[in-house]
């Protein structure tokens, strides 16, 4: 689930998503969603 966040610092347990590539084997559920 994407959450709008207006700070440069992300809370623990979250990832800052800026359209960058990510390791699909490290984040398989994220790869399914996106």
PDB file of N, CA and C in Angstrom:
ATOM      1  N   UNK A   1       0.836  -1.159   0.000  1.00  0.00           N
ATOM      2  CA  UNK A   1       0.000   0.000   0.000  1.00  0.00           C
ATOM      3  C   UNK A   1       0.889   1.233   0.000  1.00  0.00           C
ATOM      4  N   UNK A   2       0.670   2.119  -0.918  1.00  0.00           N
ATOM      5  CA  UNK A   2       1.425   3.372  -0.974  1.00  0.00           C
ATOM      6  C   UNK A   2       0.748   4.408  -0.086  1.00  0.00           C
ATOM      7  N   UNK A   3       1.549   5.133   0.667  1.00  0.00           N
ATOM      8  CA  UNK A   3       1.046   6.178   1.557  1.00  0.00           C
ATOM      9  C   UNK A   3       1.775   7.471   1.213  1.00  0.00           C
ATOM     10  N   UNK A   4       1.031   8.542   0.977  1.00  0.00           N
ATOM     11  CA  UNK A   4       1.658   9.842   0.710  1.00  0.00           C
ATOM     12  C   UNK A   4       2.392  10.305   1.958  1.00  0.00           C
ATOM     13  N   UNK A   5       3.657  10.732   1.774  1.00  0.00           N
ATOM     14  CA  UNK A   5       4.478  11.142   2.914  1.00  0.00           C
ATOM     15  C   UNK A   5       5.200  12.404   2.512  1.00  0.00           C
ATOM     16  N   UNK A   6       5.105  13.458   3.308  1.00  0.00           N
ATOM     17  CA  UNK A   6       5.648  14.763   2.925  1.00  0.00           C
ATOM     18  C   UNK A   6       7.002  15.066   3.543  1.00  0.00           C
ATOM     19  N   UNK A   7       7.669  14.077   4.076  1.00  0.00           N
ATOM     20  CA  UNK A   7       8.972  14.265   4.706  1.00  0.00           C
ATOM     21  C   UNK A   7      10.028  13.450   3.969  1.00  0.00           C
ATOM     22  N   UNK A   8      11.275  13.875   4.061  1.00  0.00           N
ATOM     23  CA  UNK A   8      12.373  13.106   3.471  1.00  0.00           C
ATOM     24  C   UNK A   8      12.747  11.906   4.328  1.00  0.00           C
ATOM     25  N   UNK A   9      12.363  11.911   5.594  1.00  0.00           N
ATOM     26  CA  UNK A   9      12.668  10.808   6.510  1.00  0.00           C
ATOM     27  C   UNK A   9      11.474   9.862   6.557  1.00  0.00           C
ATOM     28  N   UNK A  10      11.718   8.594   6.271  1.00  0.00           N
ATOM     29  CA  UNK A  10      10.638   7.611   6.294  1.00  0.00           C
ATOM     30  C   UNK A  10      10.586   6.909   7.645  1.00  0.00           C
ATOM     31  N   UNK A  11       9.405   6.541   8.102  1.00  0.00           N
ATOM     32  CA  UNK A  11       9.283   5.810   9.364  1.00  0.00           C
ATOM     33  C   UNK A  11       9.921   4.424   9.257  1.00  0.00           C
ATOM     34  N   UNK A  12      10.288   3.870  10.371  1.00  0.00           N
ATOM     35  CA  UNK A  12      10.869   2.522  10.401  1.00  0.00           C
ATOM     36  C   UNK A  12       9.893   1.519   9.792  1.00  0.00           C
ATOM     37  N   UNK A  13      10.396   0.615   8.985  1.00  0.00           N
ATOM     38  CA  UNK A  13       9.561  -0.410   8.371  1.00  0.00           C
ATOM     39  C   UNK A  13       8.943   0.002   7.045  1.00  0.00           C
ATOM     40  N   UNK A  14       9.218   1.216   6.584  1.00  0.00           N
ATOM     41  CA  UNK A  14       8.679   1.707   5.322  1.00  0.00           C
ATOM     42  C   UNK A  14       9.817   1.961   4.338  1.00  0.00           C
ATOM     43  N   UNK A  15       9.484   2.033   3.067  1.00  0.00           N
ATOM     44  CA  UNK A  15      10.469   2.338   2.032  1.00  0.00           C
ATOM     45  C   UNK A  15      10.032   3.591   1.292  1.00  0.00           C
ATOM     46  N   UNK A  16      10.981   4.439   0.965  1.00  0.00           N
ATOM     47  CA  UNK A  16      10.703   5.638   0.190  1.00  0.00           C
ATOM     48  C   UNK A  16      10.660   5.244  -1.281  1.00  0.00           C
ATOM     49  N   UNK A  17       9.488   5.338  -1.886  1.00  0.00           N
ATOM     50  CA  UNK A  17       9.295   4.907  -3.271  1.00  0.00           C
ATOM     51  C   UNK A  17       9.270   6.136  -4.176  1.00  0.00           C
ATOM     52  N   UNK A  18      10.291   6.251  -5.024  1.00  0.00           N
ATOM     53  CA  UNK A  18      10.400   7.384  -5.934  1.00  0.00           C
ATOM     54  C   UNK A  18      10.511   6.927  -7.377  1.00  0.00           C
ATOM     55  N   UNK A  19       9.960   5.773  -7.671  1.00  0.00           N
ATOM     56  CA  UNK A  19      10.023   5.242  -9.025  1.00  0.00           C
ATOM     57  C   UNK A  19      11.316   4.505  -9.333  1.00  0.00           C
ATOM     58  N   UNK A  20      12.159   4.318  -8.323  1.00  0.00           N
ATOM     59  CA  UNK A  20      13.435   3.631  -8.533  1.00  0.00           C
ATOM     60  C   UNK A  20      13.222   2.129  -8.656  1.00  0.00           C
ATOM     61  N   UNK A  21      14.209   1.445  -9.190  1.00  0.00           N
ATOM     62  CA  UNK A  21      14.169  -0.011  -9.275  1.00  0.00           C
ATOM     63  C   UNK A  21      14.400  -0.613  -7.893  1.00  0.00           C
ATOM     64  N   UNK A  22      13.862  -1.808  -7.669  1.00  0.00           N
ATOM     65  CA  UNK A  22      14.088  -2.503  -6.405  1.00  0.00           C
ATOM     66  C   UNK A  22      14.309  -3.975  -6.688  1.00  0.00           C
ATOM     67  N   UNK A  23      14.917  -4.654  -5.750  1.00  0.00           N
ATOM     68  CA  UNK A  23      15.241  -6.074  -5.883  1.00  0.00           C
ATOM     69  C   UNK A  23      13.969  -6.899  -5.678  1.00  0.00           C
ATOM     70  N   UNK A  24      13.444  -7.453  -6.758  1.00  0.00           N
ATOM     71  CA  UNK A  24      12.183  -8.200  -6.688  1.00  0.00           C
ATOM     72  C   UNK A  24      12.306  -9.476  -5.871  1.00  0.00           C
ATOM     73  N   UNK A  25      13.505 -10.052  -5.808  1.00  0.00           N
ATOM     74  CA  UNK A  25      13.676 -11.258  -4.991  1.00  0.00           C
ATOM     75  C   UNK A  25      13.734 -10.915  -3.503  1.00  0.00           C
ATOM     76  N   UNK A  26      14.167  -9.709  -3.163  1.00  0.00           N
ATOM     77  CA  UNK A  26      14.204  -9.281  -1.762  1.00  0.00           C
ATOM     78  C   UNK A  26      12.826  -8.819  -1.287  1.00  0.00           C
ATOM     79  N   UNK A  27      11.997  -8.318  -2.227  1.00  0.00           N
ATOM     80  CA  UNK A  27      10.667  -7.795  -1.894  1.00  0.00           C
ATOM     81  C   UNK A  27       9.615  -8.416  -2.812  1.00  0.00           C
ATOM     82  N   UNK A  28       9.358  -9.721  -2.691  1.00  0.00           N
ATOM     83  CA  UNK A  28       8.451 -10.390  -3.634  1.00  0.00           C
ATOM     84  C   UNK A  28       7.004  -9.891  -3.566  1.00  0.00           C
ATOM     85  N   UNK A  29       6.519  -9.550  -2.394  1.00  0.00           N
ATOM     86  CA  UNK A  29       5.139  -9.056  -2.298  1.00  0.00           C
ATOM     87  C   UNK A  29       5.002  -7.680  -2.930  1.00  0.00           C
ATOM     88  N   UNK A  30       6.015  -6.860  -2.782  1.00  0.00           N
ATOM     89  CA  UNK A  30       6.012  -5.556  -3.439  1.00  0.00           C
ATOM     90  C   UNK A  30       6.053  -5.732  -4.952  1.00  0.00           C
ATOM     91  N   UNK A  31       6.827  -6.697  -5.422  1.00  0.00           N
ATOM     92  CA  UNK A  31       6.916  -6.972  -6.860  1.00  0.00           C
ATOM     93  C   UNK A  31       5.563  -7.399  -7.422  1.00  0.00           C
ATOM     94  N   UNK A  32       4.799  -8.154  -6.673  1.00  0.00           N
ATOM     95  CA  UNK A  32       3.466  -8.568  -7.122  1.00  0.00           C
ATOM     96  C   UNK A  32       2.536  -7.359  -7.216  1.00  0.00           C
ATOM     97  N   UNK A  33       2.605  -6.478  -6.221  1.00  0.00           N
ATOM     98  CA  UNK A  33       1.715  -5.318  -6.173  1.00  0.00           C
ATOM     99  C   UNK A  33       2.084  -4.261  -7.208  1.00  0.00           C
ATOM    100  N   UNK A  34       3.377  -4.118  -7.491  1.00  0.00           N
ATOM    101  CA  UNK A  34       3.830  -3.069  -8.401  1.00  0.00           C
ATOM    102  C   UNK A  34       4.613  -3.642  -9.540  1.00  0.00           C
TER     103      UNK A  34
END
